[in-house]
Amino acid sequence: KELQQVVRDALLGRRLADKLVKVYRIGGEESWIL
């Protein structure tokens, strides 16, 4: 849903991205990967 929001709001022509994923790094920090 977050990735769809980015794609919908970008309105900048062709934009291809497959997955936005939330992970946790060693040490506990939440990080996102596009």
PDB file of all heavy atoms in Angstrom:
ATOM      1  N   LYS A   1       0.831  -1.210   0.000  1.00  0.00           N
ATOM      2  CA  LYS A   1       0.000   0.000   0.000  1.00  0.00           C
ATOM      3  C   LYS A   1       0.862   1.254   0.000  1.00  0.00           C
ATOM      4  O   LYS A   1       0.554   2.227  -0.679  1.00  0.00           O
ATOM      5  CB  LYS A   1      -0.932   0.010   1.213  1.00  0.00           C
ATOM      6  CG  LYS A   1      -2.029  -1.011   1.125  1.00  0.00           C
ATOM      7  CD  LYS A   1      -2.931  -0.969   2.332  1.00  0.00           C
ATOM      8  CE  LYS A   1      -3.957  -2.090   2.246  1.00  0.00           C
ATOM      9  NZ  LYS A   1      -4.806  -2.128   3.436  1.00  0.00           N
ATOM     10  N   GLU A   2       1.948   1.235   0.756  1.00  0.00           N
ATOM     11  CA  GLU A   2       2.843   2.382   0.790  1.00  0.00           C
ATOM     12  C   GLU A   2       3.482   2.611  -0.576  1.00  0.00           C
ATOM     13  O   GLU A   2       3.596   3.747  -1.033  1.00  0.00           O
ATOM     14  CB  GLU A   2       3.927   2.187   1.856  1.00  0.00           C
ATOM     15  CG  GLU A   2       3.422   2.269   3.274  1.00  0.00           C
ATOM     16  CD  GLU A   2       2.756   0.993   3.795  1.00  0.00           C
ATOM     17  OE1 GLU A   2       2.548   0.028   3.012  1.00  0.00           O
ATOM     18  OE2 GLU A   2       2.427   0.960   4.988  1.00  0.00           O
ATOM     19  N   LEU A   3       3.891   1.542  -1.240  1.00  0.00           N
ATOM     20  CA  LEU A   3       4.497   1.669  -2.563  1.00  0.00           C
ATOM     21  C   LEU A   3       3.469   2.171  -3.576  1.00  0.00           C
ATOM     22  O   LEU A   3       3.772   3.031  -4.399  1.00  0.00           O
ATOM     23  CB  LEU A   3       5.097   0.344  -3.011  1.00  0.00           C
ATOM     24  CG  LEU A   3       5.856   0.389  -4.337  1.00  0.00           C
ATOM     25  CD1 LEU A   3       6.979   1.404  -4.292  1.00  0.00           C
ATOM     26  CD2 LEU A   3       6.392  -0.985  -4.680  1.00  0.00           C
ATOM     27  N   GLN A   4       2.235   1.690  -3.494  1.00  0.00           N
ATOM     28  CA  GLN A   4       1.196   2.171  -4.398  1.00  0.00           C
ATOM     29  C   GLN A   4       0.959   3.664  -4.226  1.00  0.00           C
ATOM     30  O   GLN A   4       0.741   4.385  -5.187  1.00  0.00           O
ATOM     31  CB  GLN A   4      -0.113   1.407  -4.161  1.00  0.00           C
ATOM     32  CG  GLN A   4      -0.072  -0.014  -4.644  1.00  0.00           C
ATOM     33  CD  GLN A   4      -1.306  -0.808  -4.213  1.00  0.00           C
ATOM     34  OE1 GLN A   4      -2.243  -0.263  -3.644  1.00  0.00           O
ATOM     35  NE2 GLN A   4      -1.291  -2.096  -4.483  1.00  0.00           N
ATOM     36  N   GLN A   5       1.031   4.138  -2.993  1.00  0.00           N
ATOM     37  CA  GLN A   5       0.866   5.566  -2.714  1.00  0.00           C
ATOM     38  C   GLN A   5       1.969   6.375  -3.401  1.00  0.00           C
ATOM     39  O   GLN A   5       1.714   7.400  -4.006  1.00  0.00           O
ATOM     40  CB  GLN A   5       0.889   5.829  -1.207  1.00  0.00           C
ATOM     41  CG  GLN A   5       0.741   7.282  -0.821  1.00  0.00           C
ATOM     42  CD  GLN A   5      -0.658   7.808  -1.067  1.00  0.00           C
ATOM     43  OE1 GLN A   5      -1.635   7.073  -0.931  1.00  0.00           O
ATOM     44  NE2 GLN A   5      -0.769   9.052  -1.439  1.00  0.00           N
ATOM     45  N   VAL A   6       3.184   5.892  -3.323  1.00  0.00           N
ATOM     46  CA  VAL A   6       4.310   6.583  -3.955  1.00  0.00           C
ATOM     47  C   VAL A   6       4.133   6.618  -5.461  1.00  0.00           C
ATOM     48  O   VAL A   6       4.305   7.655  -6.091  1.00  0.00           O
ATOM     49  CB  VAL A   6       5.645   5.900  -3.581  1.00  0.00           C
ATOM     50  CG1 VAL A   6       6.788   6.438  -4.416  1.00  0.00           C
ATOM     51  CG2 VAL A   6       5.933   6.087  -2.101  1.00  0.00           C
ATOM     52  N   VAL A   7       3.766   5.488  -6.047  1.00  0.00           N
ATOM     53  CA  VAL A   7       3.592   5.415  -7.496  1.00  0.00           C
ATOM     54  C   VAL A   7       2.448   6.318  -7.930  1.00  0.00           C
ATOM     55  O   VAL A   7       2.550   7.068  -8.891  1.00  0.00           O
ATOM     56  CB  VAL A   7       3.338   3.955  -7.932  1.00  0.00           C
ATOM     57  CG1 VAL A   7       2.958   3.892  -9.397  1.00  0.00           C
ATOM     58  CG2 VAL A   7       4.559   3.105  -7.666  1.00  0.00           C
ATOM     59  N   ARG A   8       1.340   6.293  -7.213  1.00  0.00           N
ATOM     60  CA  ARG A   8       0.172   7.100  -7.572  1.00  0.00           C
ATOM     61  C   ARG A   8       0.490   8.583  -7.442  1.00  0.00           C
ATOM     62  O   ARG A   8       0.126   9.377  -8.287  1.00  0.00           O
ATOM     63  CB  ARG A   8      -1.015   6.735  -6.676  1.00  0.00           C
ATOM     64  CG  ARG A   8      -2.277   7.504  -7.014  1.00  0.00           C
ATOM     65  CD  ARG A   8      -3.492   7.033  -6.230  1.00  0.00           C
ATOM     66  NE  ARG A   8      -3.311   7.097  -4.792  1.00  0.00           N
ATOM     67  CZ  ARG A   8      -3.227   6.043  -3.982  1.00  0.00           C
ATOM     68  NH1 ARG A   8      -3.292   4.828  -4.470  1.00  0.00           N
ATOM     69  NH2 ARG A   8      -3.073   6.188  -2.687  1.00  0.00           N
ATOM     70  N   ASP A   9       1.192   8.966  -6.397  1.00  0.00           N
ATOM     71  CA  ASP A   9       1.476  10.372  -6.154  1.00  0.00           C
ATOM     72  C   ASP A   9       2.607  10.918  -7.023  1.00  0.00           C
ATOM     73  O   ASP A   9       2.690  12.121  -7.238  1.00  0.00           O
ATOM     74  CB  ASP A   9       1.828  10.616  -4.688  1.00  0.00           C
ATOM     75  CG  ASP A   9       0.610  10.516  -3.794  1.00  0.00           C
ATOM     76  OD1 ASP A   9      -0.510  10.441  -4.317  1.00  0.00           O
ATOM     77  OD2 ASP A   9       0.793  10.507  -2.565  1.00  0.00           O
ATOM     78  N   ALA A  10       3.483  10.065  -7.505  1.00  0.00           N
ATOM     79  CA  ALA A  10       4.639  10.548  -8.254  1.00  0.00           C
ATOM     80  C   ALA A  10       4.216  11.237  -9.547  1.00  0.00           C
ATOM     81  O   ALA A  10       4.705  12.305  -9.869  1.00  0.00           O
ATOM     82  CB  ALA A  10       5.605   9.404  -8.545  1.00  0.00           C
ATOM     83  N   LEU A  11       3.318  10.621 -10.286  1.00  0.00           N
ATOM     84  CA  LEU A  11       2.833  11.197 -11.550  1.00  0.00           C
ATOM     85  C   LEU A  11       3.970  11.735 -12.413  1.00  0.00           C
ATOM     86  O   LEU A  11       3.899  12.821 -12.955  1.00  0.00           O
ATOM     87  CB  LEU A  11       1.813  12.314 -11.286  1.00  0.00           C
ATOM     88  CG  LEU A  11       0.536  11.900 -10.553  1.00  0.00           C
ATOM     89  CD1 LEU A  11      -0.319  13.115 -10.247  1.00  0.00           C
ATOM     90  CD2 LEU A  11      -0.249  10.885 -11.361  1.00  0.00           C
ATOM     91  N   LEU A  12       5.021  10.972 -12.505  1.00  0.00           N
ATOM     92  CA  LEU A  12       6.191  11.438 -13.237  1.00  0.00           C
ATOM     93  C   LEU A  12       6.513  10.517 -14.409  1.00  0.00           C
ATOM     94  O   LEU A  12       7.659  10.268 -14.702  1.00  0.00           O
ATOM     95  CB  LEU A  12       7.398  11.513 -12.288  1.00  0.00           C
ATOM     96  CG  LEU A  12       7.248  12.515 -11.152  1.00  0.00           C
ATOM     97  CD1 LEU A  12       8.376  12.353 -10.153  1.00  0.00           C
ATOM     98  CD2 LEU A  12       7.225  13.935 -11.688  1.00  0.00           C
ATOM     99  N   GLY A  13       5.507  10.021 -15.054  1.00  0.00           N
ATOM    100  CA  GLY A  13       5.751   9.151 -16.196  1.00  0.00           C
ATOM    101  C   GLY A  13       5.993   7.726 -15.757  1.00  0.00           C
ATOM    102  O   GLY A  13       5.479   7.275 -14.744  1.00  0.00           O
ATOM    103  N   ARG A  14       6.804   7.020 -16.489  1.00  0.00           N
ATOM    104  CA  ARG A  14       7.053   5.610 -16.250  1.00  0.00           C
ATOM    105  C   ARG A  14       7.801   5.403 -14.944  1.00  0.00           C
ATOM    106  O   ARG A  14       8.874   5.936 -14.733  1.00  0.00           O
ATOM    107  CB  ARG A  14       7.877   5.056 -17.415  1.00  0.00           C
ATOM    108  CG  ARG A  14       8.089   3.583 -17.347  1.00  0.00           C
ATOM    109  CD  ARG A  14       8.766   3.120 -18.622  1.00  0.00           C
ATOM    110  NE  ARG A  14       9.711   2.099 -18.256  1.00  0.00           N
ATOM    111  CZ  ARG A  14      10.974   2.113 -18.598  1.00  0.00           C
ATOM    112  NH1 ARG A  14      11.446   3.079 -19.325  1.00  0.00           N
ATOM    113  NH2 ARG A  14      11.773   1.153 -18.225  1.00  0.00           N
ATOM    114  N   ARG A  15       7.252   4.625 -14.064  1.00  0.00           N
ATOM    115  CA  ARG A  15       7.892   4.311 -12.798  1.00  0.00           C
ATOM    116  C   ARG A  15       7.666   2.838 -12.505  1.00  0.00           C
ATOM    117  O   ARG A  15       6.540   2.405 -12.285  1.00  0.00           O
ATOM    118  CB  ARG A  15       7.286   5.129 -11.645  1.00  0.00           C
ATOM    119  CG  ARG A  15       7.480   6.607 -11.796  1.00  0.00           C
ATOM    120  CD  ARG A  15       8.952   6.951 -11.488  1.00  0.00           C
ATOM    121  NE  ARG A  15       9.194   8.355 -11.576  1.00  0.00           N
ATOM    122  CZ  ARG A  15       9.701   8.954 -12.631  1.00  0.00           C
ATOM    123  NH1 ARG A  15       9.992   8.280 -13.700  1.00  0.00           N
ATOM    124  NH2 ARG A  15       9.936  10.230 -12.626  1.00  0.00           N
ATOM    125  N   LEU A  16       8.718   2.067 -12.506  1.00  0.00           N
ATOM    126  CA  LEU A  16       8.598   0.642 -12.259  1.00  0.00           C
ATOM    127  C   LEU A  16       9.367   0.288 -10.999  1.00  0.00           C
ATOM    128  O   LEU A  16      10.565   0.506 -10.914  1.00  0.00           O
ATOM    129  CB  LEU A  16       9.175  -0.157 -13.440  1.00  0.00           C
ATOM    130  CG  LEU A  16       8.552   0.106 -14.797  1.00  0.00           C
ATOM    131  CD1 LEU A  16       9.310  -0.638 -15.873  1.00  0.00           C
ATOM    132  CD2 LEU A  16       7.098  -0.280 -14.807  1.00  0.00           C
ATOM    133  N   ALA A  17       8.667  -0.241 -10.040  1.00  0.00           N
ATOM    134  CA  ALA A  17       9.329  -0.744  -8.841  1.00  0.00           C
ATOM    135  C   ALA A  17       8.513  -1.919  -8.357  1.00  0.00           C
ATOM    136  O   ALA A  17       7.289  -1.899  -8.446  1.00  0.00           O
ATOM    137  CB  ALA A  17       9.419   0.324  -7.771  1.00  0.00           C
ATOM    138  N   ASP A  18       9.176  -2.915  -7.836  1.00  0.00           N
ATOM    139  CA  ASP A  18       8.447  -4.109  -7.493  1.00  0.00           C
ATOM    140  C   ASP A  18       8.051  -4.197  -6.023  1.00  0.00           C
ATOM    141  O   ASP A  18       6.907  -4.482  -5.726  1.00  0.00           O
ATOM    142  CB  ASP A  18       9.234  -5.349  -7.894  1.00  0.00           C
ATOM    143  CG  ASP A  18       9.223  -5.555  -9.388  1.00  0.00           C
ATOM    144  OD1 ASP A  18       8.289  -5.092 -10.046  1.00  0.00           O
ATOM    145  OD2 ASP A  18      10.151  -6.186  -9.886  1.00  0.00           O
ATOM    146  N   LYS A  19       8.957  -3.993  -5.110  1.00  0.00           N
ATOM    147  CA  LYS A  19       8.636  -4.252  -3.714  1.00  0.00           C
ATOM    148  C   LYS A  19       9.260  -3.211  -2.796  1.00  0.00           C
ATOM    149  O   LYS A  19      10.396  -2.792  -2.991  1.00  0.00           O
ATOM    150  CB  LYS A  19       9.142  -5.633  -3.281  1.00  0.00           C
ATOM    151  CG  LYS A  19       8.388  -6.782  -3.908  1.00  0.00           C
ATOM    152  CD  LYS A  19       6.962  -6.834  -3.408  1.00  0.00           C
ATOM    153  CE  LYS A  19       6.153  -7.896  -4.101  1.00  0.00           C
ATOM    154  NZ  LYS A  19       4.740  -7.812  -3.774  1.00  0.00           N
ATOM    155  N   LEU A  20       8.482  -2.840  -1.804  1.00  0.00           N
ATOM    156  CA  LEU A  20       8.970  -2.033  -0.699  1.00  0.00           C
ATOM    157  C   LEU A  20       8.820  -2.928   0.522  1.00  0.00           C
ATOM    158  O   LEU A  20       7.731  -3.445   0.785  1.00  0.00           O
ATOM    159  CB  LEU A  20       8.141  -0.761  -0.554  1.00  0.00           C
ATOM    160  CG  LEU A  20       8.562   0.223   0.530  1.00  0.00           C
ATOM    161  CD1 LEU A  20       9.990   0.714   0.300  1.00  0.00           C
ATOM    162  CD2 LEU A  20       7.600   1.401   0.573  1.00  0.00           C
ATOM    163  N   VAL A  21       9.903  -3.144   1.253  1.00  0.00           N
ATOM    164  CA  VAL A  21       9.903  -4.131   2.325  1.00  0.00           C
ATOM    165  C   VAL A  21      10.459  -3.516   3.602  1.00  0.00           C
ATOM    166  O   VAL A  21      11.515  -2.870   3.582  1.00  0.00           O
ATOM    167  CB  VAL A  21      10.776  -5.354   1.941  1.00  0.00           C
ATOM    168  CG1 VAL A  21      10.659  -6.450   2.987  1.00  0.00           C
ATOM    169  CG2 VAL A  21      10.419  -5.877   0.565  1.00  0.00           C
ATOM    170  N   LYS A  22       9.739  -3.735   4.707  1.00  0.00           N
ATOM    171  CA  LYS A  22      10.233  -3.317   6.010  1.00  0.00           C
ATOM    172  C   LYS A  22      11.003  -4.482   6.622  1.00  0.00           C
ATOM    173  O   LYS A  22      10.493  -5.602   6.674  1.00  0.00           O
ATOM    174  CB  LYS A  22       9.080  -2.916   6.933  1.00  0.00           C
ATOM    175  CG  LYS A  22       9.549  -2.500   8.325  1.00  0.00           C
ATOM    176  CD  LYS A  22       8.440  -1.902   9.160  1.00  0.00           C
ATOM    177  CE  LYS A  22       7.421  -2.928   9.566  1.00  0.00           C
ATOM    178  NZ  LYS A  22       6.394  -2.395  10.480  1.00  0.00           N
ATOM    179  N   VAL A  23      12.221  -4.205   7.048  1.00  0.00           N
ATOM    180  CA  VAL A  23      13.064  -5.210   7.703  1.00  0.00           C
ATOM    181  C   VAL A  23      13.625  -4.594   8.980  1.00  0.00           C
ATOM    182  O   VAL A  23      13.520  -3.395   9.208  1.00  0.00           O
ATOM    183  CB  VAL A  23      14.233  -5.670   6.793  1.00  0.00           C
ATOM    184  CG1 VAL A  23      13.724  -6.344   5.535  1.00  0.00           C
ATOM    185  CG2 VAL A  23      15.159  -4.517   6.452  1.00  0.00           C
ATOM    186  N   TYR A  24      14.235  -5.438   9.788  1.00  0.00           N
ATOM    187  CA  TYR A  24      14.922  -4.965  10.987  1.00  0.00           C
ATOM    188  C   TYR A  24      16.385  -5.318  10.866  1.00  0.00           C
ATOM    189  O   TYR A  24      16.737  -6.450  10.524  1.00  0.00           O
ATOM    190  CB  TYR A  24      14.310  -5.588  12.247  1.00  0.00           C
ATOM    191  CG  TYR A  24      12.921  -5.078  12.497  1.00  0.00           C
ATOM    192  CD1 TYR A  24      11.820  -5.726  11.948  1.00  0.00           C
ATOM    193  CD2 TYR A  24      12.717  -3.927  13.230  1.00  0.00           C
ATOM    194  CE1 TYR A  24      10.541  -5.239  12.138  1.00  0.00           C
ATOM    195  CE2 TYR A  24      11.439  -3.430  13.436  1.00  0.00           C
ATOM    196  CZ  TYR A  24      10.359  -4.094  12.888  1.00  0.00           C
ATOM    197  OH  TYR A  24       9.098  -3.597  13.076  1.00  0.00           O
ATOM    198  N   ARG A  25      17.225  -4.327  11.129  1.00  0.00           N
ATOM    199  CA  ARG A  25      18.659  -4.557  11.065  1.00  0.00           C
ATOM    200  C   ARG A  25      19.131  -5.193  12.363  1.00  0.00           C
ATOM    201  O   ARG A  25      18.479  -5.083  13.394  1.00  0.00           O
ATOM    202  CB  ARG A  25      19.384  -3.243  10.826  1.00  0.00           C
ATOM    203  CG  ARG A  25      18.987  -2.633   9.477  1.00  0.00           C
ATOM    204  CD  ARG A  25      19.628  -1.326   9.238  1.00  0.00           C
ATOM    205  NE  ARG A  25      21.053  -1.539   9.012  1.00  0.00           N
ATOM    206  CZ  ARG A  25      21.936  -0.561   8.907  1.00  0.00           C
ATOM    207  NH1 ARG A  25      21.564   0.689   9.017  1.00  0.00           N
ATOM    208  NH2 ARG A  25      23.197  -0.826   8.706  1.00  0.00           N
ATOM    209  N   ILE A  26      20.256  -5.837  12.297  1.00  0.00           N
ATOM    210  CA  ILE A  26      20.849  -6.384  13.510  1.00  0.00           C
ATOM    211  C   ILE A  26      21.106  -5.196  14.433  1.00  0.00           C
ATOM    212  O   ILE A  26      21.704  -4.208  14.022  1.00  0.00           O
ATOM    213  CB  ILE A  26      22.149  -7.155  13.177  1.00  0.00           C
ATOM    214  CG1 ILE A  26      21.778  -8.388  12.346  1.00  0.00           C
ATOM    215  CG2 ILE A  26      22.910  -7.514  14.440  1.00  0.00           C
ATOM    216  CD1 ILE A  26      22.939  -9.166  11.807  1.00  0.00           C
ATOM    217  N   GLY A  27      20.612  -5.259  15.637  1.00  0.00           N
ATOM    218  CA  GLY A  27      20.664  -4.131  16.542  1.00  0.00           C
ATOM    219  C   GLY A  27      19.281  -3.530  16.749  1.00  0.00           C
ATOM    220  O   GLY A  27      19.094  -2.664  17.589  1.00  0.00           O
ATOM    221  N   GLY A  28      18.290  -3.964  15.946  1.00  0.00           N
ATOM    222  CA  GLY A  28      16.912  -3.581  16.179  1.00  0.00           C
ATOM    223  C   GLY A  28      16.358  -2.437  15.360  1.00  0.00           C
ATOM    224  O   GLY A  28      15.169  -2.158  15.413  1.00  0.00           O
ATOM    225  N   GLU A  29      17.183  -1.740  14.583  1.00  0.00           N
ATOM    226  CA  GLU A  29      16.703  -0.585  13.823  1.00  0.00           C
ATOM    227  C   GLU A  29      15.782  -1.024  12.685  1.00  0.00           C
ATOM    228  O   GLU A  29      16.116  -1.907  11.906  1.00  0.00           O
ATOM    229  CB  GLU A  29      17.895   0.179  13.242  1.00  0.00           C
ATOM    230  CG  GLU A  29      17.515   1.372  12.396  1.00  0.00           C
ATOM    231  CD  GLU A  29      18.734   2.007  11.716  1.00  0.00           C
ATOM    232  OE1 GLU A  29      19.870   1.627  12.036  1.00  0.00           O
ATOM    233  OE2 GLU A  29      18.521   2.872  10.863  1.00  0.00           O
ATOM    234  N   GLU A  30      14.601  -0.388  12.619  1.00  0.00           N
ATOM    235  CA  GLU A  30      13.680  -0.657  11.516  1.00  0.00           C
ATOM    236  C   GLU A  30      14.203   0.048  10.272  1.00  0.00           C
ATOM    237  O   GLU A  30      14.582   1.203  10.312  1.00  0.00           O
ATOM    238  CB  GLU A  30      12.289  -0.120  11.854  1.00  0.00           C
ATOM    239  CG  GLU A  30      11.276  -0.330  10.748  1.00  0.00           C
ATOM    240  CD  GLU A  30       9.925   0.273  11.090  1.00  0.00           C
ATOM    241  OE1 GLU A  30       9.386  -0.014  12.173  1.00  0.00           O
ATOM    242  OE2 GLU A  30       9.421   1.057  10.259  1.00  0.00           O
ATOM    243  N   SER A  31      14.225  -0.647   9.147  1.00  0.00           N
ATOM    244  CA  SER A  31      14.688  -0.075   7.884  1.00  0.00           C
ATOM    245  C   SER A  31      13.751  -0.512   6.776  1.00  0.00           C
ATOM    246  O   SER A  31      13.097  -1.543   6.867  1.00  0.00           O
ATOM    247  CB  SER A  31      16.109  -0.536   7.561  1.00  0.00           C
ATOM    248  OG  SER A  31      17.014  -0.101   8.546  1.00  0.00           O
ATOM    249  N   TRP A  32      13.709   0.275   5.717  1.00  0.00           N
ATOM    250  CA  TRP A  32      12.906  -0.065   4.555  1.00  0.00           C
ATOM    251  C   TRP A  32      13.828  -0.291   3.364  1.00  0.00           C
ATOM    252  O   TRP A  32      14.840   0.387   3.204  1.00  0.00           O
ATOM    253  CB  TRP A  32      11.931   1.057   4.228  1.00  0.00           C
ATOM    254  CG  TRP A  32      10.797   1.197   5.193  1.00  0.00           C
ATOM    255  CD1 TRP A  32      10.707   0.664   6.445  1.00  0.00           C
ATOM    256  CD2 TRP A  32       9.589   1.927   4.984  1.00  0.00           C
ATOM    257  NE1 TRP A  32       9.526   1.028   7.023  1.00  0.00           N
ATOM    258  CE2 TRP A  32       8.816   1.802   6.150  1.00  0.00           C
ATOM    259  CE3 TRP A  32       9.095   2.674   3.928  1.00  0.00           C
ATOM    260  CZ2 TRP A  32       7.565   2.391   6.286  1.00  0.00           C
ATOM    261  CZ3 TRP A  32       7.849   3.271   4.067  1.00  0.00           C
ATOM    262  CH2 TRP A  32       7.097   3.120   5.229  1.00  0.00           C
ATOM    263  N   ILE A  33      13.455  -1.240   2.531  1.00  0.00           N
ATOM    264  CA  ILE A  33      14.222  -1.556   1.319  1.00  0.00           C
ATOM    265  C   ILE A  33      13.297  -1.417   0.122  1.00  0.00           C
ATOM    266  O   ILE A  33      12.212  -2.006   0.097  1.00  0.00           O
ATOM    267  CB  ILE A  33      14.783  -2.992   1.375  1.00  0.00           C
ATOM    268  CG1 ILE A  33      15.789  -3.115   2.522  1.00  0.00           C
ATOM    269  CG2 ILE A  33      15.409  -3.374   0.041  1.00  0.00           C
ATOM    270  CD1 ILE A  33      16.254  -4.533   2.759  1.00  0.00           C
ATOM    271  N   LEU A  34      13.708  -0.633  -0.844  1.00  0.00           N
ATOM    272  CA  LEU A  34      13.004  -0.552  -2.120  1.00  0.00           C
ATOM    273  C   LEU A  34      13.739  -1.492  -3.064  1.00  0.00           C
ATOM    274  O   LEU A  34      14.859  -1.210  -3.480  1.00  0.00           O
ATOM    275  CB  LEU A  34      13.015   0.882  -2.663  1.00  0.00           C
ATOM    276  CG  LEU A  34      12.463   1.082  -4.065  1.00  0.00           C
ATOM    277  CD1 LEU A  34      10.994   0.696  -4.128  1.00  0.00           C
ATOM    278  CD2 LEU A  34      12.652   2.511  -4.513  1.00  0.00           C
TER     279      LEU A  34
END
